Amino acid sequence: MLQPLLVVTVAGSFFASGGYSSVATLPPFVQQFNTFWPLAYAFEMIQALLFDPIMPSLNNFLVGLVTGCVLAVGFGVWRMWKIL
C-alpha cells in the first residue's frame, strides 16, 4: 500500500529535480519548488557525482547520509517499541 506512493513520489521528485539535467535548466517555478523539497538536494548530489568532471565536496552528501541513517534507526526503534 505504501510502496506505490513512494515510487511515484521518488520518480516525480527525480524529474522535478532536473531528471538527467540540472535544476538550473528548469523553469523558475520548479526551481522555487526545489528550494524547499528535501529530495531535490539528494538528486542534485547524485547528478553531480555522476556527471560532473570534477568531484564535488562530499560534506553535504555525508550529512544527508548520516541524517538518513539516524532517521532510519530512529524509525526502526520506534516501530519495535510500538510492536513490543
Protein backbone atom coordinates (compact mmCIF):
# COMPACT_ATOMS: atom_id res chain seq x y z
CA MET A 1 0.00 0.00 0.00
CA LEU A 2 2.82 2.38 0.78
CA GLN A 3 5.22 1.26 -1.96
CA PRO A 4 3.28 2.70 -4.95
CA LEU A 5 3.06 6.06 -3.21
CA LEU A 6 6.80 6.04 -2.53
CA VAL A 7 7.64 5.03 -6.10
CA VAL A 8 5.50 7.81 -7.57
CA THR A 9 6.93 10.35 -5.11
CA VAL A 10 10.55 9.42 -5.83
CA ALA A 11 10.02 9.28 -9.61
CA GLY A 12 8.25 12.62 -9.59
CA SER A 13 10.95 14.11 -7.38
CA PHE A 14 13.66 12.85 -9.71
CA PHE A 15 12.17 14.60 -12.72
CA ALA A 16 11.15 17.69 -10.71
CA SER A 17 14.78 17.90 -9.62
CA GLY A 18 16.01 18.06 -13.18
CA GLY A 19 16.00 14.39 -14.10
CA TYR A 20 19.11 13.96 -16.18
CA SER A 21 19.91 17.68 -16.22
CA SER A 22 20.38 20.32 -13.54
CA VAL A 23 17.82 22.32 -11.58
CA ALA A 24 19.27 25.43 -13.25
CA THR A 25 17.79 24.27 -16.58
CA LEU A 26 14.24 24.01 -15.18
CA PRO A 27 11.51 26.69 -15.30
CA PRO A 28 11.56 29.26 -12.45
CA PHE A 29 8.51 27.84 -10.61
CA VAL A 30 10.13 24.39 -10.48
CA GLN A 31 13.38 25.91 -9.22
CA GLN A 32 11.42 27.62 -6.43
CA PHE A 33 9.74 24.30 -5.58
CA ASN A 34 13.16 22.63 -5.33
CA THR A 35 14.39 25.12 -2.73
CA PHE A 36 12.20 23.52 -0.06
CA TRP A 37 11.78 19.94 -1.38
CA PRO A 38 14.32 17.79 0.53
CA LEU A 39 14.70 15.09 -2.12
CA ALA A 40 15.88 17.68 -4.65
CA TYR A 41 19.17 18.08 -2.78
CA ALA A 42 19.76 14.32 -2.82
CA PHE A 43 19.14 14.09 -6.57
CA GLU A 44 21.34 17.12 -7.26
CA MET A 45 24.21 15.50 -5.35
CA ILE A 46 23.74 12.21 -7.21
CA GLN A 47 23.74 14.07 -10.53
CA ALA A 48 26.90 15.92 -9.52
CA LEU A 49 28.60 12.65 -8.61
CA LEU A 50 27.59 11.03 -11.90
CA PHE A 51 28.00 13.79 -14.47
CA ASP A 52 30.46 16.44 -13.22
CA PRO A 53 34.05 16.09 -14.41
CA ILE A 54 35.34 17.40 -11.05
CA MET A 55 34.47 15.55 -7.86
CA PRO A 56 32.29 17.79 -5.66
CA SER A 57 32.67 18.18 -1.93
CA LEU A 58 31.04 15.25 -0.18
CA ASN A 59 30.22 17.19 3.01
CA ASN A 60 26.55 17.72 2.08
CA PHE A 61 26.26 14.15 0.87
CA LEU A 62 27.69 12.78 4.13
CA VAL A 63 25.42 15.00 6.23
CA GLY A 64 22.42 13.69 4.29
CA LEU A 65 23.64 10.12 4.61
CA VAL A 66 24.12 10.39 8.38
CA THR A 67 20.76 12.14 8.76
CA GLY A 68 19.03 9.40 6.77
CA CYS A 69 20.71 6.68 8.83
CA VAL A 70 19.72 8.34 12.10
CA LEU A 71 16.13 8.72 10.91
CA ALA A 72 16.01 5.09 9.71
CA VAL A 73 17.34 3.77 13.01
CA GLY A 74 15.01 6.05 14.96
CA PHE A 75 12.03 4.90 12.94
CA GLY A 76 13.03 1.25 13.38
CA VAL A 77 13.39 1.65 17.15
CA TRP A 78 10.06 3.47 17.34
CA ARG A 79 8.29 0.68 15.36
CA MET A 80 9.85 -2.04 17.53
CA TRP A 81 8.75 -0.14 20.62
CA LYS A 82 5.20 0.05 19.24
CA ILE A 83 5.17 -3.68 18.42
CA LEU A 84 6.51 -4.78 21.79
